[in-house]
């Protein structure tokens, strides 16, 4: 099973499973197609957007575990 970590690049998370998109959008991360997503870690993106990284990681991993 794939597992998301804080230091993963956003585009790599999207490549794991397209079902992660709604989770990221619902958390407030609306820049998934932006060039920064190709080189920015989940932790960095969450910090920029004022989002709780641990909550997003938990939600993403719960989604992936339930597949």
PDB file of N, CA and C in Angstrom:
ATOM      1  N   UNK A   1       0.839  -1.178   0.000  1.00  0.00           N
ATOM      2  CA  UNK A   1       0.000   0.000   0.000  1.00  0.00           C
ATOM      3  C   UNK A   1       0.886   1.244   0.000  1.00  0.00           C
ATOM      4  N   UNK A   2       0.532   2.189  -0.812  1.00  0.00           N
ATOM      5  CA  UNK A   2       1.237   3.469  -0.853  1.00  0.00           C
ATOM      6  C   UNK A   2       0.901   4.258   0.399  1.00  0.00           C
ATOM      7  N   UNK A   3       1.861   5.055   0.832  1.00  0.00           N
ATOM      8  CA  UNK A   3       1.653   5.881   2.020  1.00  0.00           C
ATOM      9  C   UNK A   3       2.191   7.277   1.747  1.00  0.00           C
ATOM     10  N   UNK A   4       1.413   8.283   2.114  1.00  0.00           N
ATOM     11  CA  UNK A   4       1.794   9.675   1.931  1.00  0.00           C
ATOM     12  C   UNK A   4       2.577  10.143   3.152  1.00  0.00           C
ATOM     13  N   UNK A   5       3.646  10.895   2.890  1.00  0.00           N
ATOM     14  CA  UNK A   5       4.437  11.491   3.964  1.00  0.00           C
ATOM     15  C   UNK A   5       4.486  13.002   3.760  1.00  0.00           C
ATOM     16  N   UNK A   6       4.862  13.703   4.810  1.00  0.00           N
ATOM     17  CA  UNK A   6       4.925  15.167   4.797  1.00  0.00           C
ATOM     18  C   UNK A   6       5.865  15.695   3.721  1.00  0.00           C
ATOM     19  N   UNK A   7       6.929  14.950   3.450  1.00  0.00           N
ATOM     20  CA  UNK A   7       7.956  15.438   2.534  1.00  0.00           C
ATOM     21  C   UNK A   7       7.718  15.040   1.079  1.00  0.00           C
ATOM     22  N   UNK A   8       6.601  14.372   0.802  1.00  0.00           N
ATOM     23  CA  UNK A   8       6.299  13.986  -0.585  1.00  0.00           C
ATOM     24  C   UNK A   8       5.958  15.213  -1.425  1.00  0.00           C
ATOM     25  N   UNK A   9       6.378  15.177  -2.669  1.00  0.00           N
ATOM     26  CA  UNK A   9       6.051  16.227  -3.633  1.00  0.00           C
ATOM     27  C   UNK A   9       4.582  16.053  -4.034  1.00  0.00           C
ATOM     28  N   UNK A  10       3.876  17.151  -4.123  1.00  0.00           N
ATOM     29  CA  UNK A  10       2.439  17.104  -4.409  1.00  0.00           C
ATOM     30  C   UNK A  10       2.143  16.341  -5.702  1.00  0.00           C
ATOM     31  N   UNK A  11       2.900  16.581  -6.734  1.00  0.00           N
ATOM     32  CA  UNK A  11       2.636  15.881  -7.996  1.00  0.00           C
ATOM     33  C   UNK A  11       2.820  14.372  -7.847  1.00  0.00           C
ATOM     34  N   UNK A  12       3.703  13.936  -6.954  1.00  0.00           N
ATOM     35  CA  UNK A  12       3.883  12.502  -6.707  1.00  0.00           C
ATOM     36  C   UNK A  12       2.669  11.921  -5.982  1.00  0.00           C
ATOM     37  N   UNK A  13       2.069  12.702  -5.102  1.00  0.00           N
ATOM     38  CA  UNK A  13       0.853  12.253  -4.411  1.00  0.00           C
ATOM     39  C   UNK A  13      -0.268  12.078  -5.432  1.00  0.00           C
ATOM     40  N   UNK A  14      -0.387  13.025  -6.347  1.00  0.00           N
ATOM     41  CA  UNK A  14      -1.426  12.946  -7.373  1.00  0.00           C
ATOM     42  C   UNK A  14      -1.211  11.738  -8.282  1.00  0.00           C
ATOM     43  N   UNK A  15       0.044  11.387  -8.529  1.00  0.00           N
ATOM     44  CA  UNK A  15       0.346  10.219  -9.365  1.00  0.00           C
ATOM     45  C   UNK A  15      -0.010   8.913  -8.660  1.00  0.00           C
ATOM     46  N   UNK A  16       0.054   8.910  -7.329  1.00  0.00           N
ATOM     47  CA  UNK A  16      -0.307   7.700  -6.577  1.00  0.00           C
ATOM     48  C   UNK A  16      -1.739   7.302  -6.856  1.00  0.00           C
ATOM     49  N   UNK A  17      -2.627   8.295  -6.810  1.00  0.00           N
ATOM     50  CA  UNK A  17      -4.049   8.014  -6.961  1.00  0.00           C
ATOM     51  C   UNK A  17      -4.780   9.331  -7.206  1.00  0.00           C
ATOM     52  N   UNK A  18      -5.511   9.402  -8.278  1.00  0.00           N
ATOM     53  CA  UNK A  18      -6.247  10.632  -8.612  1.00  0.00           C
ATOM     54  C   UNK A  18      -7.349  10.914  -7.595  1.00  0.00           C
ATOM     55  N   UNK A  19      -7.722   9.931  -6.808  1.00  0.00           N
ATOM     56  CA  UNK A  19      -8.717  10.131  -5.764  1.00  0.00           C
ATOM     57  C   UNK A  19      -8.222  11.030  -4.639  1.00  0.00           C
ATOM     58  N   UNK A  20      -6.939  11.329  -4.629  1.00  0.00           N
ATOM     59  CA  UNK A  20      -6.395  12.244  -3.621  1.00  0.00           C
ATOM     60  C   UNK A  20      -6.753  13.699  -3.937  1.00  0.00           C
ATOM     61  N   UNK A  21      -7.131  13.964  -5.170  1.00  0.00           N
ATOM     62  CA  UNK A  21      -7.431  15.339  -5.587  1.00  0.00           C
ATOM     63  C   UNK A  21      -8.533  15.975  -4.739  1.00  0.00           C
ATOM     64  N   UNK A  22      -9.696  15.327  -4.579  1.00  0.00           N
ATOM     65  CA  UNK A  22     -10.744  15.962  -3.767  1.00  0.00           C
ATOM     66  C   UNK A  22     -10.313  16.218  -2.319  1.00  0.00           C
ATOM     67  N   UNK A  23      -9.499  15.346  -1.771  1.00  0.00           N
ATOM     68  CA  UNK A  23      -9.029  15.527  -0.394  1.00  0.00           C
ATOM     69  C   UNK A  23      -8.177  16.785  -0.303  1.00  0.00           C
ATOM     70  N   UNK A  24      -7.272  16.950  -1.250  1.00  0.00           N
ATOM     71  CA  UNK A  24      -6.414  18.131  -1.251  1.00  0.00           C
ATOM     72  C   UNK A  24      -7.231  19.399  -1.498  1.00  0.00           C
ATOM     73  N   UNK A  25      -8.160  19.342  -2.436  1.00  0.00           N
ATOM     74  CA  UNK A  25      -9.007  20.510  -2.709  1.00  0.00           C
ATOM     75  C   UNK A  25      -9.861  20.868  -1.500  1.00  0.00           C
ATOM     76  N   UNK A  26     -10.459  19.860  -0.852  1.00  0.00           N
ATOM     77  CA  UNK A  26     -11.302  20.112   0.317  1.00  0.00           C
ATOM     78  C   UNK A  26     -10.513  20.678   1.493  1.00  0.00           C
ATOM     79  N   UNK A  27      -9.225  20.379   1.530  1.00  0.00           N
ATOM     80  CA  UNK A  27      -8.400  20.889   2.623  1.00  0.00           C
ATOM     81  C   UNK A  27      -8.005  22.350   2.401  1.00  0.00           C
ATOM     82  N   UNK A  28      -8.259  22.857   1.187  1.00  0.00           N
ATOM     83  CA  UNK A  28      -7.944  24.255   0.892  1.00  0.00           C
ATOM     84  C   UNK A  28      -6.779  24.440  -0.053  1.00  0.00           C
ATOM     85  N   UNK A  29      -6.282  23.350  -0.590  1.00  0.00           N
ATOM     86  CA  UNK A  29      -5.160  23.422  -1.522  1.00  0.00           C
ATOM     87  C   UNK A  29      -5.711  23.427  -2.949  1.00  0.00           C
ATOM     88  N   UNK A  30      -5.884  24.616  -3.510  1.00  0.00           N
ATOM     89  CA  UNK A  30      -6.523  24.753  -4.819  1.00  0.00           C
ATOM     90  C   UNK A  30      -5.529  24.968  -5.954  1.00  0.00           C
ATOM     91  N   UNK A  31      -4.267  24.732  -5.705  1.00  0.00           N
ATOM     92  CA  UNK A  31      -3.242  25.004  -6.717  1.00  0.00           C
ATOM     93  C   UNK A  31      -2.599  23.711  -7.218  1.00  0.00           C
ATOM     94  N   UNK A  32      -3.363  22.663  -7.343  1.00  0.00           N
ATOM     95  CA  UNK A  32      -2.797  21.366  -7.708  1.00  0.00           C
ATOM     96  C   UNK A  32      -2.177  21.345  -9.092  1.00  0.00           C
ATOM     97  N   UNK A  33      -2.641  22.186  -9.983  1.00  0.00           N
ATOM     98  CA  UNK A  33      -2.080  22.230 -11.326  1.00  0.00           C
ATOM     99  C   UNK A  33      -1.002  23.279 -11.488  1.00  0.00           C
ATOM    100  N   UNK A  34      -0.710  24.007 -10.432  1.00  0.00           N
ATOM    101  CA  UNK A  34       0.269  25.087 -10.507  1.00  0.00           C
ATOM    102  C   UNK A  34       1.677  24.504 -10.627  1.00  0.00           C
ATOM    103  N   UNK A  35       2.585  25.208 -11.278  1.00  0.00           N
ATOM    104  CA  UNK A  35       3.947  24.687 -11.459  1.00  0.00           C
ATOM    105  C   UNK A  35       4.649  24.347 -10.153  1.00  0.00           C
ATOM    106  N   UNK A  36       4.306  25.014  -9.081  1.00  0.00           N
ATOM    107  CA  UNK A  36       4.947  24.722  -7.791  1.00  0.00           C
ATOM    108  C   UNK A  36       4.656  23.304  -7.320  1.00  0.00           C
ATOM    109  N   UNK A  37       3.514  22.757  -7.709  1.00  0.00           N
ATOM    110  CA  UNK A  37       3.148  21.419  -7.238  1.00  0.00           C
ATOM    111  C   UNK A  37       4.108  20.351  -7.744  1.00  0.00           C
ATOM    112  N   UNK A  38       4.858  20.653  -8.784  1.00  0.00           N
ATOM    113  CA  UNK A  38       5.806  19.682  -9.329  1.00  0.00           C
ATOM    114  C   UNK A  38       7.090  19.619  -8.511  1.00  0.00           C
ATOM    115  N   UNK A  39       7.319  20.605  -7.637  1.00  0.00           N
ATOM    116  CA  UNK A  39       8.550  20.596  -6.873  1.00  0.00           C
ATOM    117  C   UNK A  39       8.365  20.939  -5.410  1.00  0.00           C
ATOM    118  N   UNK A  40       7.130  21.116  -4.985  1.00  0.00           N
ATOM    119  CA  UNK A  40       6.863  21.548  -3.622  1.00  0.00           C
ATOM    120  C   UNK A  40       6.364  20.371  -2.782  1.00  0.00           C
ATOM    121  N   UNK A  41       6.906  20.257  -1.573  1.00  0.00           N
ATOM    122  CA  UNK A  41       6.465  19.178  -0.699  1.00  0.00           C
ATOM    123  C   UNK A  41       5.083  19.500  -0.135  1.00  0.00           C
ATOM    124  N   UNK A  42       4.407  18.469   0.315  1.00  0.00           N
ATOM    125  CA  UNK A  42       3.096  18.655   0.940  1.00  0.00           C
ATOM    126  C   UNK A  42       3.230  19.561   2.155  1.00  0.00           C
ATOM    127  N   UNK A  43       4.269  19.365   2.926  1.00  0.00           N
ATOM    128  CA  UNK A  43       4.481  20.185   4.121  1.00  0.00           C
ATOM    129  C   UNK A  43       4.662  21.659   3.760  1.00  0.00           C
ATOM    130  N   UNK A  44       5.454  21.944   2.727  1.00  0.00           N
ATOM    131  CA  UNK A  44       5.666  23.330   2.303  1.00  0.00           C
ATOM    132  C   UNK A  44       4.369  23.954   1.797  1.00  0.00           C
ATOM    133  N   UNK A  45       3.622  23.207   1.003  1.00  0.00           N
ATOM    134  CA  UNK A  45       2.369  23.732   0.459  1.00  0.00           C
ATOM    135  C   UNK A  45       1.364  24.000   1.577  1.00  0.00           C
ATOM    136  N   UNK A  46       1.295  23.101   2.543  1.00  0.00           N
ATOM    137  CA  UNK A  46       0.382  23.306   3.665  1.00  0.00           C
ATOM    138  C   UNK A  46       0.784  24.549   4.458  1.00  0.00           C
ATOM    139  N   UNK A  47       2.079  24.741   4.656  1.00  0.00           N
ATOM    140  CA  UNK A  47       2.550  25.917   5.405  1.00  0.00           C
ATOM    141  C   UNK A  47       2.173  27.197   4.674  1.00  0.00           C
ATOM    142  N   UNK A  48       2.340  27.216   3.372  1.00  0.00           N
ATOM    143  CA  UNK A  48       2.011  28.403   2.578  1.00  0.00           C
ATOM    144  C   UNK A  48       0.522  28.724   2.649  1.00  0.00           C
ATOM    145  N   UNK A  49      -0.311  27.672   2.663  1.00  0.00           N
ATOM    146  CA  UNK A  49      -1.765  27.853   2.652  1.00  0.00           C
ATOM    147  C   UNK A  49      -2.389  27.854   4.048  1.00  0.00           C
ATOM    148  N   UNK A  50      -1.564  27.718   5.089  1.00  0.00           N
ATOM    149  CA  UNK A  50      -2.088  27.721   6.449  1.00  0.00           C
ATOM    150  C   UNK A  50      -2.929  26.498   6.778  1.00  0.00           C
ATOM    151  N   UNK A  51      -2.524  25.362   6.256  1.00  0.00           N
ATOM    152  CA  UNK A  51      -3.272  24.120   6.418  1.00  0.00           C
ATOM    153  C   UNK A  51      -2.508  23.191   7.366  1.00  0.00           C
ATOM    154  N   UNK A  52      -3.230  22.443   8.184  1.00  0.00           N
ATOM    155  CA  UNK A  52      -2.640  21.486   9.118  1.00  0.00           C
ATOM    156  C   UNK A  52      -2.116  20.274   8.330  1.00  0.00           C
ATOM    157  N   UNK A  53      -0.810  20.166   8.222  1.00  0.00           N
ATOM    158  CA  UNK A  53      -0.184  19.092   7.442  1.00  0.00           C
ATOM    159  C   UNK A  53      -0.544  17.716   7.979  1.00  0.00           C
ATOM    160  N   UNK A  54      -0.508  17.554   9.288  1.00  0.00           N
ATOM    161  CA  UNK A  54      -0.800  16.243   9.881  1.00  0.00           C
ATOM    162  C   UNK A  54      -2.214  15.781   9.540  1.00  0.00           C
ATOM    163  N   UNK A  55      -3.155  16.702   9.540  1.00  0.00           N
ATOM    164  CA  UNK A  55      -4.551  16.361   9.212  1.00  0.00           C
ATOM    165  C   UNK A  55      -4.659  15.898   7.759  1.00  0.00           C
ATOM    166  N   UNK A  56      -3.987  16.606   6.861  1.00  0.00           N
ATOM    167  CA  UNK A  56      -4.044  16.234   5.435  1.00  0.00           C
ATOM    168  C   UNK A  56      -3.377  14.882   5.208  1.00  0.00           C
ATOM    169  N   UNK A  57      -2.223  14.672   5.820  1.00  0.00           N
ATOM    170  CA  UNK A  57      -1.525  13.389   5.677  1.00  0.00           C
ATOM    171  C   UNK A  57      -2.416  12.259   6.191  1.00  0.00           C
ATOM    172  N   UNK A  58      -3.035  12.469   7.343  1.00  0.00           N
ATOM    173  CA  UNK A  58      -3.919  11.452   7.919  1.00  0.00           C
ATOM    174  C   UNK A  58      -5.086  11.147   6.973  1.00  0.00           C
ATOM    175  N   UNK A  59      -5.730  12.183   6.435  1.00  0.00           N
ATOM    176  CA  UNK A  59      -6.874  11.976   5.530  1.00  0.00           C
ATOM    177  C   UNK A  59      -6.452  11.255   4.254  1.00  0.00           C
ATOM    178  N   UNK A  60      -5.310  11.633   3.706  1.00  0.00           N
ATOM    179  CA  UNK A  60      -4.824  10.986   2.488  1.00  0.00           C
ATOM    180  C   UNK A  60      -4.513   9.516   2.743  1.00  0.00           C
ATOM    181  N   UNK A  61      -3.852   9.225   3.859  1.00  0.00           N
ATOM    182  CA  UNK A  61      -3.500   7.835   4.162  1.00  0.00           C
ATOM    183  C   UNK A  61      -4.719   6.995   4.517  1.00  0.00           C
ATOM    184  N   UNK A  62      -5.719   7.595   5.148  1.00  0.00           N
ATOM    185  CA  UNK A  62      -6.967   6.870   5.407  1.00  0.00           C
ATOM    186  C   UNK A  62      -7.653   6.512   4.095  1.00  0.00           C
ATOM    187  N   UNK A  63      -7.683   7.464   3.170  1.00  0.00           N
ATOM    188  CA  UNK A  63      -8.272   7.203   1.852  1.00  0.00           C
ATOM    189  C   UNK A  63      -7.538   6.048   1.162  1.00  0.00           C
ATOM    190  N   UNK A  64      -6.208   6.114   1.141  1.00  0.00           N
ATOM    191  CA  UNK A  64      -5.418   5.084   0.450  1.00  0.00           C
ATOM    192  C   UNK A  64      -5.568   3.720   1.125  1.00  0.00           C
ATOM    193  N   UNK A  65      -5.677   3.696   2.442  1.00  0.00           N
ATOM    194  CA  UNK A  65      -5.818   2.428   3.169  1.00  0.00           C
ATOM    195  C   UNK A  65      -7.168   1.778   2.904  1.00  0.00           C
ATOM    196  N   UNK A  66      -8.177   2.595   2.638  1.00  0.00           N
ATOM    197  CA  UNK A  66      -9.532   2.079   2.408  1.00  0.00           C
ATOM    198  C   UNK A  66      -9.749   1.585   0.985  1.00  0.00           C
ATOM    199  N   UNK A  67      -8.777   1.734   0.125  1.00  0.00           N
ATOM    200  CA  UNK A  67      -8.940   1.330  -1.278  1.00  0.00           C
ATOM    201  C   UNK A  67      -8.847  -0.160  -1.418  1.00  0.00           C
TER     202      UNK A  67
END
